[in-house]
Each structure stands twice: as structure tokens, then as C-alpha cells.
């Protein structure tokens, strides 16, 4: 079982993923983060996530799985912010519609 999953970007896809994971009990701690934590606060009472991270860096600290649910154009920026806080065992995945630019960004960061 995944202990902590972090969803960066809680739009339609990220929010749907968080809700599905919570409803099925697939993860003990589902954390959301994004550009505006205040806007994300409604996700907790609606059962979409367990909590909202104060920052992207804080949210991914100790995460087993990080899901990038951001626009593809900001993935490299997000990766650069979170990279120093990730464990070598952390799994990073995305829900982007294209993969070449994501792979290129990941290779530049890591």
C-alpha cells in the first residue's frame, strides 16, 4: 500500500484521481498542492484529499508517489522545485497528454 501520495495540481484530472484513491482506500495519506493552497482547501471537506500541503516542497517530503497533474508546460519548473525533497525511492508519474516534453524535462532535472 502507498503511504503518501501527492497530487500536484488538483484540477479535474488530479481531483478525480484523488477522490478515486480515497474512495478505494488505496493510500493512507493523499496530499494535494498547487499554486494557490487556499483554493485547494475545499478538497479536504469534500473527501478528495486528506490534506493540502503548504508548499510543493513540503508536500512531497516523504512521498511514496507524486502525480504531476499540471499543464505540461510547467512540469520542468515543478520538477526543479520538488527534486531536492524527493527520496530516491519516490515514484513520479504524470497525467499529461504528451510524453516527449515530459521525458526531456525529467532528464534535464534529474
PDB file of N, CA and C in Angstrom:
ATOM      1  N   UNK A   1       0.838  -1.181   0.000  1.00  0.00           N
ATOM      2  CA  UNK A   1       0.000   0.000   0.000  1.00  0.00           C
ATOM      3  C   UNK A   1       0.883   1.245   0.000  1.00  0.00           C
ATOM      4  N   UNK A   2       0.433   2.236  -0.713  1.00  0.00           N
ATOM      5  CA  UNK A   2       1.131   3.512  -0.752  1.00  0.00           C
ATOM      6  C   UNK A   2       0.799   4.272   0.523  1.00  0.00           C
ATOM      7  N   UNK A   3       1.815   4.746   1.209  1.00  0.00           N
ATOM      8  CA  UNK A   3       1.596   5.519   2.434  1.00  0.00           C
ATOM      9  C   UNK A   3       1.169   6.947   2.120  1.00  0.00           C
ATOM     10  N   UNK A   4       1.950   7.627   1.280  1.00  0.00           N
ATOM     11  CA  UNK A   4       1.625   9.014   0.963  1.00  0.00           C
ATOM     12  C   UNK A   4       1.713   9.247  -0.540  1.00  0.00           C
ATOM     13  N   UNK A   5       0.598   9.728  -1.089  1.00  0.00           N
ATOM     14  CA  UNK A   5       0.543  10.117  -2.488  1.00  0.00           C
ATOM     15  C   UNK A   5       0.324  11.619  -2.533  1.00  0.00           C
ATOM     16  N   UNK A   6       1.085  12.306  -3.369  1.00  0.00           N
ATOM     17  CA  UNK A   6       0.947  13.745  -3.528  1.00  0.00           C
ATOM     18  C   UNK A   6       0.464  14.025  -4.943  1.00  0.00           C
ATOM     19  N   UNK A   7      -0.590  14.804  -5.032  1.00  0.00           N
ATOM     20  CA  UNK A   7      -1.097  15.233  -6.333  1.00  0.00           C
ATOM     21  C   UNK A   7      -0.771  16.711  -6.473  1.00  0.00           C
ATOM     22  N   UNK A   8       0.049  17.037  -7.453  1.00  0.00           N
ATOM     23  CA  UNK A   8       0.390  18.428  -7.709  1.00  0.00           C
ATOM     24  C   UNK A   8      -0.501  18.906  -8.848  1.00  0.00           C
ATOM     25  N   UNK A   9      -1.456  19.755  -8.503  1.00  0.00           N
ATOM     26  CA  UNK A   9      -2.444  20.229  -9.458  1.00  0.00           C
ATOM     27  C   UNK A   9      -3.744  19.474  -9.238  1.00  0.00           C
ATOM     28  N   UNK A  10      -4.708  20.136  -8.648  1.00  0.00           N
ATOM     29  CA  UNK A  10      -5.947  19.447  -8.281  1.00  0.00           C
ATOM     30  C   UNK A  10      -7.122  19.936  -9.131  1.00  0.00           C
ATOM     31  N   UNK A  11      -6.901  19.930 -10.431  1.00  0.00           N
ATOM     32  CA  UNK A  11      -7.979  20.262 -11.353  1.00  0.00           C
ATOM     33  C   UNK A  11      -8.878  19.053 -11.558  1.00  0.00           C
ATOM     34  N   UNK A  12      -9.507  18.975 -12.697  1.00  0.00           N
ATOM     35  CA  UNK A  12     -10.446  17.891 -12.984  1.00  0.00           C
ATOM     36  C   UNK A  12      -9.785  16.513 -12.896  1.00  0.00           C
ATOM     37  N   UNK A  13      -8.647  16.352 -13.526  1.00  0.00           N
ATOM     38  CA  UNK A  13      -7.988  15.040 -13.523  1.00  0.00           C
ATOM     39  C   UNK A  13      -7.373  14.735 -12.166  1.00  0.00           C
ATOM     40  N   UNK A  14      -6.606  15.672 -11.609  1.00  0.00           N
ATOM     41  CA  UNK A  14      -5.992  15.456 -10.302  1.00  0.00           C
ATOM     42  C   UNK A  14      -7.026  15.235  -9.211  1.00  0.00           C
ATOM     43  N   UNK A  15      -8.093  16.008  -9.239  1.00  0.00           N
ATOM     44  CA  UNK A  15      -9.160  15.855  -8.245  1.00  0.00           C
ATOM     45  C   UNK A  15      -9.877  14.525  -8.386  1.00  0.00           C
ATOM     46  N   UNK A  16     -10.141  14.112  -9.614  1.00  0.00           N
ATOM     47  CA  UNK A  16     -10.794  12.815  -9.848  1.00  0.00           C
ATOM     48  C   UNK A  16      -9.917  11.671  -9.371  1.00  0.00           C
ATOM     49  N   UNK A  17      -8.634  11.786  -9.606  1.00  0.00           N
ATOM     50  CA  UNK A  17      -7.697  10.756  -9.146  1.00  0.00           C
ATOM     51  C   UNK A  17      -7.682  10.684  -7.622  1.00  0.00           C
ATOM     52  N   UNK A  18      -7.569  11.846  -6.966  1.00  0.00           N
ATOM     53  CA  UNK A  18      -7.570  11.868  -5.503  1.00  0.00           C
ATOM     54  C   UNK A  18      -8.823  11.244  -4.925  1.00  0.00           C
ATOM     55  N   UNK A  19      -9.974  11.597  -5.475  1.00  0.00           N
ATOM     56  CA  UNK A  19     -11.243  11.061  -4.993  1.00  0.00           C
ATOM     57  C   UNK A  19     -11.315   9.544  -5.185  1.00  0.00           C
ATOM     58  N   UNK A  20     -10.891   9.063  -6.334  1.00  0.00           N
ATOM     59  CA  UNK A  20     -10.919   7.617  -6.596  1.00  0.00           C
ATOM     60  C   UNK A  20     -10.005   6.856  -5.648  1.00  0.00           C
ATOM     61  N   UNK A  21      -8.825   7.389  -5.410  1.00  0.00           N
ATOM     62  CA  UNK A  21      -7.873   6.737  -4.496  1.00  0.00           C
ATOM     63  C   UNK A  21      -8.436   6.716  -3.084  1.00  0.00           C
ATOM     64  N   UNK A  22      -9.010   7.840  -2.640  1.00  0.00           N
ATOM     65  CA  UNK A  22      -9.598   7.911  -1.296  1.00  0.00           C
ATOM     66  C   UNK A  22     -10.777   6.947  -1.158  1.00  0.00           C
ATOM     67  N   UNK A  23     -11.668   6.918  -2.137  1.00  0.00           N
ATOM     68  CA  UNK A  23     -12.851   6.063  -2.060  1.00  0.00           C
ATOM     69  C   UNK A  23     -12.495   4.583  -2.006  1.00  0.00           C
ATOM     70  N   UNK A  24     -11.389   4.224  -2.621  1.00  0.00           N
ATOM     71  CA  UNK A  24     -10.985   2.818  -2.664  1.00  0.00           C
ATOM     72  C   UNK A  24      -9.989   2.449  -1.563  1.00  0.00           C
ATOM     73  N   UNK A  25      -9.584   3.425  -0.772  1.00  0.00           N
ATOM     74  CA  UNK A  25      -8.646   3.158   0.311  1.00  0.00           C
ATOM     75  C   UNK A  25      -7.286   2.689  -0.168  1.00  0.00           C
ATOM     76  N   UNK A  26      -6.815   3.223  -1.279  1.00  0.00           N
ATOM     77  CA  UNK A  26      -5.560   2.778  -1.868  1.00  0.00           C
ATOM     78  C   UNK A  26      -4.325   3.442  -1.266  1.00  0.00           C
ATOM     79  N   UNK A  27      -4.524   4.445  -0.455  1.00  0.00           N
ATOM     80  CA  UNK A  27      -3.410   5.205   0.099  1.00  0.00           C
ATOM     81  C   UNK A  27      -3.804   5.736   1.469  1.00  0.00           C
ATOM     82  N   UNK A  28      -2.867   5.741   2.403  1.00  0.00           N
ATOM     83  CA  UNK A  28      -3.165   6.223   3.755  1.00  0.00           C
ATOM     84  C   UNK A  28      -3.266   7.742   3.835  1.00  0.00           C
ATOM     85  N   UNK A  29      -2.457   8.464   3.040  1.00  0.00           N
ATOM     86  CA  UNK A  29      -2.399   9.923   3.140  1.00  0.00           C
ATOM     87  C   UNK A  29      -2.335  10.513   1.733  1.00  0.00           C
ATOM     88  N   UNK A  30      -3.427  11.133   1.294  1.00  0.00           N
ATOM     89  CA  UNK A  30      -3.479  11.767  -0.019  1.00  0.00           C
ATOM     90  C   UNK A  30      -3.344  13.269   0.199  1.00  0.00           C
ATOM     91  N   UNK A  31      -2.289  13.834  -0.372  1.00  0.00           N
ATOM     92  CA  UNK A  31      -1.967  15.244  -0.174  1.00  0.00           C
ATOM     93  C   UNK A  31      -2.061  15.964  -1.511  1.00  0.00           C
ATOM     94  N   UNK A  32      -2.650  17.157  -1.493  1.00  0.00           N
ATOM     95  CA  UNK A  32      -2.724  17.976  -2.701  1.00  0.00           C
ATOM     96  C   UNK A  32      -1.869  19.208  -2.523  1.00  0.00           C
ATOM     97  N   UNK A  33      -1.362  19.710  -3.612  1.00  0.00           N
ATOM     98  CA  UNK A  33      -0.694  21.011  -3.595  1.00  0.00           C
ATOM     99  C   UNK A  33      -0.838  21.624  -4.976  1.00  0.00           C
ATOM    100  N   UNK A  34      -0.682  22.908  -5.000  1.00  0.00           N
ATOM    101  CA  UNK A  34      -0.828  23.638  -6.252  1.00  0.00           C
ATOM    102  C   UNK A  34      -0.356  25.060  -6.067  1.00  0.00           C
ATOM    103  N   UNK A  35      -0.683  25.903  -7.025  1.00  0.00           N
ATOM    104  CA  UNK A  35      -0.221  27.290  -6.976  1.00  0.00           C
ATOM    105  C   UNK A  35      -0.861  28.082  -5.856  1.00  0.00           C
ATOM    106  N   UNK A  36      -2.107  27.763  -5.507  1.00  0.00           N
ATOM    107  CA  UNK A  36      -2.825  28.537  -4.503  1.00  0.00           C
ATOM    108  C   UNK A  36      -3.450  27.598  -3.471  1.00  0.00           C
ATOM    109  N   UNK A  37      -2.751  27.332  -2.352  1.00  0.00           N
ATOM    110  CA  UNK A  37      -3.278  26.406  -1.339  1.00  0.00           C
ATOM    111  C   UNK A  37      -4.653  26.790  -0.810  1.00  0.00           C
ATOM    112  N   UNK A  38      -4.988  28.068  -0.788  1.00  0.00           N
ATOM    113  CA  UNK A  38      -6.307  28.496  -0.304  1.00  0.00           C
ATOM    114  C   UNK A  38      -7.411  27.924  -1.190  1.00  0.00           C
ATOM    115  N   UNK A  39      -7.186  27.919  -2.498  1.00  0.00           N
ATOM    116  CA  UNK A  39      -8.176  27.380  -3.425  1.00  0.00           C
ATOM    117  C   UNK A  39      -8.353  25.866  -3.267  1.00  0.00           C
ATOM    118  N   UNK A  40      -7.335  25.213  -2.732  1.00  0.00           N
ATOM    119  CA  UNK A  40      -7.383  23.762  -2.581  1.00  0.00           C
ATOM    120  C   UNK A  40      -8.097  23.306  -1.313  1.00  0.00           C
ATOM    121  N   UNK A  41      -8.316  24.213  -0.369  1.00  0.00           N
ATOM    122  CA  UNK A  41      -8.868  23.832   0.932  1.00  0.00           C
ATOM    123  C   UNK A  41     -10.237  23.145   0.834  1.00  0.00           C
ATOM    124  N   UNK A  42     -11.019  23.450  -0.178  1.00  0.00           N
ATOM    125  CA  UNK A  42     -12.325  22.802  -0.338  1.00  0.00           C
ATOM    126  C   UNK A  42     -12.232  21.320  -0.626  1.00  0.00           C
ATOM    127  N   UNK A  43     -11.066  20.859  -1.060  1.00  0.00           N
ATOM    128  CA  UNK A  43     -10.891  19.449  -1.388  1.00  0.00           C
ATOM    129  C   UNK A  43     -10.911  18.556  -0.160  1.00  0.00           C
ATOM    130  N   UNK A  44     -10.495  19.076   0.979  1.00  0.00           N
ATOM    131  CA  UNK A  44     -10.449  18.260   2.203  1.00  0.00           C
ATOM    132  C   UNK A  44     -11.863  17.930   2.689  1.00  0.00           C
ATOM    133  N   UNK A  45     -12.744  18.916   2.904  1.00  0.00           N
ATOM    134  CA  UNK A  45     -14.085  18.561   3.375  1.00  0.00           C
ATOM    135  C   UNK A  45     -14.899  17.760   2.360  1.00  0.00           C
ATOM    136  N   UNK A  46     -14.547  17.851   1.098  1.00  0.00           N
ATOM    137  CA  UNK A  46     -15.266  17.083   0.067  1.00  0.00           C
ATOM    138  C   UNK A  46     -14.736  15.657  -0.064  1.00  0.00           C
ATOM    139  N   UNK A  47     -13.689  15.307   0.708  1.00  0.00           N
ATOM    140  CA  UNK A  47     -13.164  13.946   0.697  1.00  0.00           C
ATOM    141  C   UNK A  47     -12.282  13.622  -0.487  1.00  0.00           C
ATOM    142  N   UNK A  48     -11.788  14.648  -1.168  1.00  0.00           N
ATOM    143  CA  UNK A  48     -10.940  14.425  -2.335  1.00  0.00           C
ATOM    144  C   UNK A  48      -9.508  14.117  -1.907  1.00  0.00           C
ATOM    145  N   UNK A  49      -9.045  14.792  -0.855  1.00  0.00           N
ATOM    146  CA  UNK A  49      -7.703  14.565  -0.302  1.00  0.00           C
ATOM    147  C   UNK A  49      -7.788  14.620   1.214  1.00  0.00           C
ATOM    148  N   UNK A  50      -6.733  14.156   1.863  1.00  0.00           N
ATOM    149  CA  UNK A  50      -6.672  14.216   3.328  1.00  0.00           C
ATOM    150  C   UNK A  50      -6.189  15.571   3.828  1.00  0.00           C
ATOM    151  N   UNK A  51      -5.286  16.173   3.064  1.00  0.00           N
ATOM    152  CA  UNK A  51      -4.781  17.483   3.474  1.00  0.00           C
ATOM    153  C   UNK A  51      -4.169  18.193   2.285  1.00  0.00           C
ATOM    154  N   UNK A  52      -3.905  19.480   2.495  1.00  0.00           N
ATOM    155  CA  UNK A  52      -3.278  20.312   1.479  1.00  0.00           C
ATOM    156  C   UNK A  52      -1.899  20.715   1.987  1.00  0.00           C
ATOM    157  N   UNK A  53      -0.889  20.539   1.174  1.00  0.00           N
ATOM    158  CA  UNK A  53       0.466  20.917   1.542  1.00  0.00           C
ATOM    159  C   UNK A  53       0.642  22.422   1.514  1.00  0.00           C
ATOM    160  N   UNK A  54       1.440  22.926   2.429  1.00  0.00           N
ATOM    161  CA  UNK A  54       1.729  24.360   2.483  1.00  0.00           C
ATOM    162  C   UNK A  54       2.522  24.815   1.268  1.00  0.00           C
ATOM    163  N   UNK A  55       3.358  23.937   0.744  1.00  0.00           N
ATOM    164  CA  UNK A  55       4.155  24.236  -0.444  1.00  0.00           C
ATOM    165  C   UNK A  55       4.373  22.926  -1.190  1.00  0.00           C
ATOM    166  N   UNK A  56       4.793  23.040  -2.431  1.00  0.00           N
ATOM    167  CA  UNK A  56       5.084  21.830  -3.195  1.00  0.00           C
ATOM    168  C   UNK A  56       6.202  21.050  -2.533  1.00  0.00           C
ATOM    169  N   UNK A  57       7.231  21.770  -2.077  1.00  0.00           N
ATOM    170  CA  UNK A  57       8.379  21.112  -1.468  1.00  0.00           C
ATOM    171  C   UNK A  57       7.982  20.369  -0.191  1.00  0.00           C
ATOM    172  N   UNK A  58       7.193  21.014   0.659  1.00  0.00           N
ATOM    173  CA  UNK A  58       6.750  20.387   1.912  1.00  0.00           C
ATOM    174  C   UNK A  58       5.868  19.190   1.622  1.00  0.00           C
ATOM    175  N   UNK A  59       5.004  19.311   0.649  1.00  0.00           N
ATOM    176  CA  UNK A  59       4.053  18.238   0.335  1.00  0.00           C
ATOM    177  C   UNK A  59       4.759  16.962  -0.099  1.00  0.00           C
ATOM    178  N   UNK A  60       5.802  17.080  -0.910  1.00  0.00           N
ATOM    179  CA  UNK A  60       6.459  15.875  -1.441  1.00  0.00           C
ATOM    180  C   UNK A  60       7.466  15.260  -0.482  1.00  0.00           C
ATOM    181  N   UNK A  61       7.782  15.947   0.591  1.00  0.00           N
ATOM    182  CA  UNK A  61       8.732  15.418   1.567  1.00  0.00           C
ATOM    183  C   UNK A  61       8.174  14.117   2.149  1.00  0.00           C
ATOM    184  N   UNK A  62       8.840  13.012   1.895  1.00  0.00           N
ATOM    185  CA  UNK A  62       8.396  11.714   2.399  1.00  0.00           C
ATOM    186  C   UNK A  62       7.347  11.024   1.544  1.00  0.00           C
ATOM    187  N   UNK A  63       7.065  11.541   0.355  1.00  0.00           N
ATOM    188  CA  UNK A  63       6.048  10.937  -0.512  1.00  0.00           C
ATOM    189  C   UNK A  63       6.560   9.649  -1.149  1.00  0.00           C
ATOM    190  N   UNK A  64       5.658   8.688  -1.260  1.00  0.00           N
ATOM    191  CA  UNK A  64       5.956   7.449  -1.982  1.00  0.00           C
ATOM    192  C   UNK A  64       5.671   7.617  -3.472  1.00  0.00           C
ATOM    193  N   UNK A  65       4.629   8.404  -3.762  1.00  0.00           N
ATOM    194  CA  UNK A  65       4.175   8.600  -5.135  1.00  0.00           C
ATOM    195  C   UNK A  65       3.819  10.064  -5.332  1.00  0.00           C
ATOM    196  N   UNK A  66       4.313  10.656  -6.407  1.00  0.00           N
ATOM    197  CA  UNK A  66       3.979  12.033  -6.769  1.00  0.00           C
ATOM    198  C   UNK A  66       3.339  11.993  -8.149  1.00  0.00           C
ATOM    199  N   UNK A  67       2.148  12.563  -8.251  1.00  0.00           N
ATOM    200  CA  UNK A  67       1.437  12.629  -9.519  1.00  0.00           C
ATOM    201  C   UNK A  67       1.440  14.081  -9.988  1.00  0.00           C
ATOM    202  N   UNK A  68       2.007  14.311 -11.153  1.00  0.00           N
ATOM    203  CA  UNK A  68       2.026  15.646 -11.737  1.00  0.00           C
ATOM    204  C   UNK A  68       0.763  15.810 -12.574  1.00  0.00           C
ATOM    205  N   UNK A  69      -0.165  16.608 -12.074  1.00  0.00           N
ATOM    206  CA  UNK A  69      -1.430  16.863 -12.765  1.00  0.00           C
ATOM    207  C   UNK A  69      -1.496  18.344 -13.129  1.00  0.00           C
ATOM    208  N   UNK A  70      -0.390  18.818 -13.654  1.00  0.00           N
ATOM    209  CA  UNK A  70      -0.240  20.225 -14.021  1.00  0.00           C
ATOM    210  C   UNK A  70      -0.227  20.333 -15.540  1.00  0.00           C
ATOM    211  N   UNK A  71      -0.350  21.539 -16.059  1.00  0.00           N
ATOM    212  CA  UNK A  71      -0.145  21.692 -17.502  1.00  0.00           C
ATOM    213  C   UNK A  71       1.270  21.234 -17.871  1.00  0.00           C
ATOM    214  N   UNK A  72       1.397  20.619 -19.015  1.00  0.00           N
ATOM    215  CA  UNK A  72       2.679  20.071 -19.454  1.00  0.00           C
ATOM    216  C   UNK A  72       3.762  21.150 -19.474  1.00  0.00           C
ATOM    217  N   UNK A  73       3.404  22.371 -19.793  1.00  0.00           N
ATOM    218  CA  UNK A  73       4.374  23.445 -19.901  1.00  0.00           C
ATOM    219  C   UNK A  73       5.055  23.844 -18.609  1.00  0.00           C
ATOM    220  N   UNK A  74       4.516  23.451 -17.462  1.00  0.00           N
ATOM    221  CA  UNK A  74       5.130  23.818 -16.179  1.00  0.00           C
ATOM    222  C   UNK A  74       5.790  22.636 -15.472  1.00  0.00           C
ATOM    223  N   UNK A  75       5.807  21.479 -16.106  1.00  0.00           N
ATOM    224  CA  UNK A  75       6.353  20.280 -15.463  1.00  0.00           C
ATOM    225  C   UNK A  75       7.808  20.471 -15.060  1.00  0.00           C
ATOM    226  N   UNK A  76       8.627  21.037 -15.920  1.00  0.00           N
ATOM    227  CA  UNK A  76      10.037  21.193 -15.572  1.00  0.00           C
ATOM    228  C   UNK A  76      10.205  22.116 -14.370  1.00  0.00           C
ATOM    229  N   UNK A  77       9.449  23.188 -14.305  1.00  0.00           N
ATOM    230  CA  UNK A  77       9.501  24.094 -13.149  1.00  0.00           C
ATOM    231  C   UNK A  77       9.130  23.352 -11.872  1.00  0.00           C
ATOM    232  N   UNK A  78       8.076  22.558 -11.935  1.00  0.00           N
ATOM    233  CA  UNK A  78       7.638  21.786 -10.771  1.00  0.00           C
ATOM    234  C   UNK A  78       8.724  20.788 -10.370  1.00  0.00           C
ATOM    235  N   UNK A  79       9.267  20.067 -11.326  1.00  0.00           N
ATOM    236  CA  UNK A  79      10.308  19.090 -11.019  1.00  0.00           C
ATOM    237  C   UNK A  79      11.518  19.741 -10.360  1.00  0.00           C
ATOM    238  N   UNK A  80      11.906  20.910 -10.848  1.00  0.00           N
ATOM    239  CA  UNK A  80      13.061  21.601 -10.246  1.00  0.00           C
ATOM    240  C   UNK A  80      12.779  21.983  -8.790  1.00  0.00           C
ATOM    241  N   UNK A  81      11.538  22.373  -8.485  1.00  0.00           N
ATOM    242  CA  UNK A  81      11.193  22.754  -7.113  1.00  0.00           C
ATOM    243  C   UNK A  81      11.173  21.553  -6.176  1.00  0.00           C
ATOM    244  N   UNK A  82      10.668  20.431  -6.652  1.00  0.00           N
ATOM    245  CA  UNK A  82      10.482  19.289  -5.751  1.00  0.00           C
ATOM    246  C   UNK A  82      11.676  18.341  -5.704  1.00  0.00           C
ATOM    247  N   UNK A  83      12.526  18.348  -6.722  1.00  0.00           N
ATOM    248  CA  UNK A  83      13.625  17.379  -6.823  1.00  0.00           C
ATOM    249  C   UNK A  83      14.465  17.256  -5.552  1.00  0.00           C
ATOM    250  N   UNK A  84      14.881  18.369  -4.918  1.00  0.00           N
ATOM    251  CA  UNK A  84      15.722  18.220  -3.729  1.00  0.00           C
ATOM    252  C   UNK A  84      15.035  17.523  -2.553  1.00  0.00           C
ATOM    253  N   UNK A  85      13.714  17.467  -2.551  1.00  0.00           N
ATOM    254  CA  UNK A  85      12.982  16.885  -1.426  1.00  0.00           C
ATOM    255  C   UNK A  85      12.538  15.446  -1.670  1.00  0.00           C
ATOM    256  N   UNK A  86      12.792  14.929  -2.856  1.00  0.00           N
ATOM    257  CA  UNK A  86      12.346  13.580  -3.187  1.00  0.00           C
ATOM    258  C   UNK A  86      13.330  12.536  -2.715  1.00  0.00           C
ATOM    259  N   UNK A  87      12.809  11.424  -2.269  1.00  0.00           N
ATOM    260  CA  UNK A  87      13.620  10.266  -1.917  1.00  0.00           C
ATOM    261  C   UNK A  87      13.979   9.530  -3.210  1.00  0.00           C
ATOM    262  N   UNK A  88      15.089   8.821  -3.238  1.00  0.00           N
ATOM    263  CA  UNK A  88      15.410   8.022  -4.431  1.00  0.00           C
ATOM    264  C   UNK A  88      14.339   6.970  -4.739  1.00  0.00           C
ATOM    265  N   UNK A  89      13.546   6.610  -3.742  1.00  0.00           N
ATOM    266  CA  UNK A  89      12.503   5.608  -3.933  1.00  0.00           C
ATOM    267  C   UNK A  89      11.162   6.202  -4.381  1.00  0.00           C
ATOM    268  N   UNK A  90      11.040   7.520  -4.399  1.00  0.00           N
ATOM    269  CA  UNK A  90       9.785   8.153  -4.772  1.00  0.00           C
ATOM    270  C   UNK A  90       9.479   7.895  -6.244  1.00  0.00           C
ATOM    271  N   UNK A  91       8.265   7.481  -6.506  1.00  0.00           N
ATOM    272  CA  UNK A  91       7.801   7.275  -7.878  1.00  0.00           C
ATOM    273  C   UNK A  91       7.141   8.567  -8.339  1.00  0.00           C
ATOM    274  N   UNK A  92       7.520   9.022  -9.530  1.00  0.00           N
ATOM    275  CA  UNK A  92       6.912  10.215 -10.114  1.00  0.00           C
ATOM    276  C   UNK A  92       6.197   9.786 -11.387  1.00  0.00           C
ATOM    277  N   UNK A  93       4.945  10.204 -11.518  1.00  0.00           N
ATOM    278  CA  UNK A  93       4.187   9.940 -12.737  1.00  0.00           C
ATOM    279  C   UNK A  93       3.408  11.193 -13.093  1.00  0.00           C
ATOM    280  N   UNK A  94       2.755  11.154 -14.228  1.00  0.00           N
ATOM    281  CA  UNK A  94       2.026  12.340 -14.666  1.00  0.00           C
ATOM    282  C   UNK A  94       0.745  11.929 -15.372  1.00  0.00           C
ATOM    283  N   UNK A  95      -0.099  12.903 -15.602  1.00  0.00           N
ATOM    284  CA  UNK A  95      -1.346  12.673 -16.329  1.00  0.00           C
ATOM    285  C   UNK A  95      -1.380  13.518 -17.599  1.00  0.00           C
ATOM    286  N   UNK A  96      -0.210  13.997 -18.019  1.00  0.00           N
ATOM    287  CA  UNK A  96      -0.117  14.839 -19.205  1.00  0.00           C
ATOM    288  C   UNK A  96      -0.475  14.085 -20.471  1.00  0.00           C
ATOM    289  N   UNK A  97      -0.893  14.830 -21.469  1.00  0.00           N
ATOM    290  CA  UNK A  97      -1.334  14.234 -22.727  1.00  0.00           C
ATOM    291  C   UNK A  97      -0.183  13.931 -23.684  1.00  0.00           C
ATOM    292  N   UNK A  98       0.990  14.434 -23.383  1.00  0.00           N
ATOM    293  CA  UNK A  98       2.147  14.216 -24.242  1.00  0.00           C
ATOM    294  C   UNK A  98       3.316  13.770 -23.376  1.00  0.00           C
ATOM    295  N   UNK A  99       4.193  12.971 -23.935  1.00  0.00           N
ATOM    296  CA  UNK A  99       5.278  12.427 -23.104  1.00  0.00           C
ATOM    297  C   UNK A  99       6.667  12.913 -23.496  1.00  0.00           C
ATOM    298  N   UNK A 100       6.916  13.243 -24.732  1.00  0.00           N
ATOM    299  CA  UNK A 100       8.273  13.621 -25.147  1.00  0.00           C
ATOM    300  C   UNK A 100       8.802  14.805 -24.342  1.00  0.00           C
ATOM    301  N   UNK A 101       8.005  15.861 -24.214  1.00  0.00           N
ATOM    302  CA  UNK A 101       8.487  17.033 -23.475  1.00  0.00           C
ATOM    303  C   UNK A 101       8.643  16.722 -21.989  1.00  0.00           C
ATOM    304  N   UNK A 102       7.802  15.850 -21.441  1.00  0.00           N
ATOM    305  CA  UNK A 102       7.910  15.463 -20.038  1.00  0.00           C
ATOM    306  C   UNK A 102       9.189  14.671 -19.789  1.00  0.00           C
ATOM    307  N   UNK A 103       9.482  13.759 -20.680  1.00  0.00           N
ATOM    308  CA  UNK A 103      10.699  12.966 -20.548  1.00  0.00           C
ATOM    309  C   UNK A 103      11.930  13.866 -20.661  1.00  0.00           C
ATOM    310  N   UNK A 104      11.907  14.776 -21.626  1.00  0.00           N
ATOM    311  CA  UNK A 104      13.024  15.712 -21.782  1.00  0.00           C
ATOM    312  C   UNK A 104      13.218  16.544 -20.528  1.00  0.00           C
ATOM    313  N   UNK A 105      12.122  17.041 -19.951  1.00  0.00           N
ATOM    314  CA  UNK A 105      12.204  17.855 -18.722  1.00  0.00           C
ATOM    315  C   UNK A 105      12.767  17.041 -17.567  1.00  0.00           C
ATOM    316  N   UNK A 106      12.308  15.813 -17.421  1.00  0.00           N
ATOM    317  CA  UNK A 106      12.796  14.952 -16.338  1.00  0.00           C
ATOM    318  C   UNK A 106      14.283  14.656 -16.504  1.00  0.00           C
ATOM    319  N   UNK A 107      14.712  14.431 -17.734  1.00  0.00           N
ATOM    320  CA  UNK A 107      16.135  14.166 -17.960  1.00  0.00           C
ATOM    321  C   UNK A 107      16.983  15.385 -17.626  1.00  0.00           C
ATOM    322  N   UNK A 108      16.498  16.583 -17.937  1.00  0.00           N
ATOM    323  CA  UNK A 108      17.259  17.793 -17.604  1.00  0.00           C
ATOM    324  C   UNK A 108      17.354  18.002 -16.096  1.00  0.00           C
ATOM    325  N   UNK A 109      16.273  17.696 -15.373  1.00  0.00           N
ATOM    326  CA  UNK A 109      16.251  17.922 -13.927  1.00  0.00           C
ATOM    327  C   UNK A 109      17.013  16.838 -13.182  1.00  0.00           C
ATOM    328  N   UNK A 110      16.835  15.595 -13.582  1.00  0.00           N
ATOM    329  CA  UNK A 110      17.442  14.501 -12.832  1.00  0.00           C
ATOM    330  C   UNK A 110      18.678  13.951 -13.499  1.00  0.00           C
TER     331      UNK A 110
END
